Each structure stands twice: as structure tokens, then as C-alpha cells.
Amino acid sequence: MKLRIISLSKNEDFRSILNGKKLNNKYSTIFFKKLDHLNSKKLNLSVIAKKKLGNAIIRNKIKRRIKNIMRYVAQNIKINSEYSYLIIAKKNVFNDRFEDIKTELFLNFKKIK
């Protein structure tokens, strides 16, 4: 089953997720929390690349890389769609190999039940 990835848009959703659980790795920090008012049939996922990571071109490339990896992860493992996810990227995402980042995020999302 293919999950559709929807980005969060409301400020209160972001603030609520930041108070939830989190996982850290070399490439990102993943916050996740159940939000009752959102559709659980779609994957609620937002990617943030802070301004200190670089100019707009670099930040957009980082976000594109993570979104592509998340499409792969969503197809290959059962992601709990009851949770809403917020991924805050780190600088290493821009410089490191795509396969290394994919492996690390894949392992982190397997941990989330």
C-alpha cells in the first residue's frame, strides 16, 4: 500500500510534535507524536533545514534528499501512520552519501512502533 506524504502546515502542530518523543542520529533529529485531529490514512511528515545549514539551494537539496529517502522507507517498511513526524536535518545530509543516509533513517524508522 502506498502512503501519501502530507506536510504539516499549522504552527500548533509543529509545537505539539516538538513536545513529543524524539530520536537522534548523525543526519537528523526525528520528532514524532500522535495528533488526533489529523488523517491517519496519510503520512504526516515535515522536513526542516535550518538557515545555518546554507543558502536556499543547499537547504532545498537537503529537503529533497530526505523526502526521497522517506518515500523509499514508506514503501519498504510499515511506518506507523498514526504518528506525525518532524525531521530536522543536520549538515551531514548534504555532504554524505545517499546510501548511508538512507540506511540510517531506515533503521531509525524501524525503531518507532
Protein backbone atom coordinates (compact mmCIF):
# COMPACT_ATOMS: atom_id res chain seq x y z
CA MET A 1 0.00 0.00 0.00
CA LYS A 2 1.36 3.38 -0.97
CA LEU A 3 1.04 6.09 1.65
CA ARG A 4 0.62 9.66 0.54
CA ILE A 5 3.04 12.03 2.29
CA ILE A 6 1.40 15.20 3.58
CA SER A 7 3.34 18.10 5.09
CA LEU A 8 2.26 19.73 8.33
CA SER A 9 1.11 23.31 7.97
CA LYS A 10 -0.16 24.63 11.29
CA ASN A 11 2.13 26.21 13.85
CA GLU A 12 0.38 24.44 16.74
CA ASP A 13 1.05 21.06 15.07
CA PHE A 14 4.78 21.81 14.91
CA ARG A 15 4.84 22.97 18.54
CA SER A 16 2.92 19.89 19.65
CA ILE A 17 5.26 17.48 17.86
CA LEU A 18 8.32 19.18 19.37
CA ASN A 19 6.94 18.17 22.79
CA GLY A 20 6.68 14.51 21.69
CA LYS A 21 9.26 11.74 21.51
CA LYS A 22 12.49 12.11 19.57
CA LEU A 23 15.29 10.10 18.01
CA ASN A 24 18.73 11.48 17.14
CA ASN A 25 21.20 10.24 14.59
CA LYS A 26 24.16 11.55 12.64
CA TYR A 27 21.98 13.06 9.92
CA SER A 28 18.81 14.29 11.60
CA THR A 29 16.62 14.58 14.65
CA ILE A 30 13.23 12.91 14.30
CA PHE A 31 10.33 14.11 16.44
CA PHE A 32 7.11 12.10 16.44
CA LYS A 33 3.80 12.27 18.23
CA LYS A 34 0.20 11.19 17.72
CA LEU A 35 -2.01 14.08 16.66
CA ASP A 36 -5.69 13.18 16.92
CA HIS A 37 -7.15 15.73 14.53
CA LEU A 38 -5.03 14.67 11.51
CA ASN A 39 -5.88 11.96 8.97
CA SER A 40 -4.16 8.70 9.94
CA LYS A 41 -4.51 7.24 6.43
CA LYS A 42 -1.84 9.63 5.18
CA LEU A 43 1.74 10.02 6.36
CA ASN A 44 2.11 13.41 8.06
CA LEU A 45 5.75 14.32 7.59
CA SER A 46 7.61 17.63 7.55
CA VAL A 47 11.28 18.25 6.87
CA ILE A 48 13.10 21.28 8.25
CA ALA A 49 16.51 22.52 7.11
CA LYS A 50 17.61 25.42 9.27
CA LYS A 51 19.10 28.53 7.74
CA LYS A 52 22.51 27.89 9.28
CA LEU A 53 22.93 24.84 7.01
CA GLY A 54 23.48 27.02 3.97
CA ASN A 55 21.77 29.06 1.30
CA ALA A 56 18.37 28.18 -0.20
CA ILE A 57 19.83 25.88 -2.85
CA ILE A 58 21.60 23.73 -0.24
CA ARG A 59 18.59 23.67 2.09
CA ASN A 60 16.26 22.62 -0.74
CA LYS A 61 18.63 19.85 -1.80
CA ILE A 62 18.75 18.57 1.79
CA LYS A 63 14.94 18.53 1.97
CA ARG A 64 14.66 16.78 -1.40
CA ARG A 65 17.12 14.09 -0.33
CA ILE A 66 15.25 13.38 2.89
CA LYS A 67 11.84 13.33 1.17
CA ASN A 68 13.13 10.84 -1.42
CA ILE A 69 14.51 8.65 1.33
CA MET A 70 11.19 8.82 3.17
CA ARG A 71 9.34 7.66 0.04
CA TYR A 72 11.67 4.66 -0.05
CA VAL A 73 11.21 3.98 3.66
CA ALA A 74 7.40 4.25 3.39
CA GLN A 75 7.37 1.68 0.58
CA ASN A 76 9.65 -0.84 2.28
CA ILE A 77 8.65 -0.85 5.94
CA LYS A 78 5.40 -0.41 7.82
CA ILE A 79 5.50 3.15 9.14
CA ASN A 80 3.03 3.96 11.89
CA SER A 81 0.79 6.49 10.15
CA GLU A 82 -0.93 7.38 13.44
CA TYR A 83 2.16 9.43 14.27
CA SER A 84 3.07 12.77 12.74
CA TYR A 85 6.78 13.16 12.04
CA LEU A 86 9.06 16.18 12.03
CA ILE A 87 12.59 15.67 10.68
CA ILE A 88 15.16 18.37 11.41
CA ALA A 89 18.14 17.91 9.11
CA LYS A 90 21.78 18.27 10.09
CA LYS A 91 24.68 19.46 7.92
CA ASN A 92 25.93 15.92 7.25
CA VAL A 93 22.95 15.23 4.98
CA PHE A 94 24.38 17.50 2.30
CA ASN A 95 27.90 16.05 2.26
CA ASP A 96 27.47 12.31 2.90
CA ARG A 97 26.48 9.52 0.53
CA PHE A 98 22.79 8.96 -0.20
CA GLU A 99 23.01 5.25 0.71
CA ASP A 100 24.48 6.00 4.15
CA ILE A 101 21.70 8.46 4.96
CA LYS A 102 19.07 6.04 3.69
CA THR A 103 20.40 3.22 5.87
CA GLU A 104 20.48 5.39 9.00
CA LEU A 105 16.94 6.75 8.55
CA PHE A 106 15.66 3.28 7.65
CA LEU A 107 17.00 1.90 10.94
CA ASN A 108 15.52 4.78 12.94
CA PHE A 109 12.06 4.37 11.47
CA LYS A 110 12.17 0.63 12.22
CA LYS A 111 12.64 1.56 15.91
CA ILE A 112 9.43 3.64 16.03
CA LYS A 113 6.45 1.48 16.96
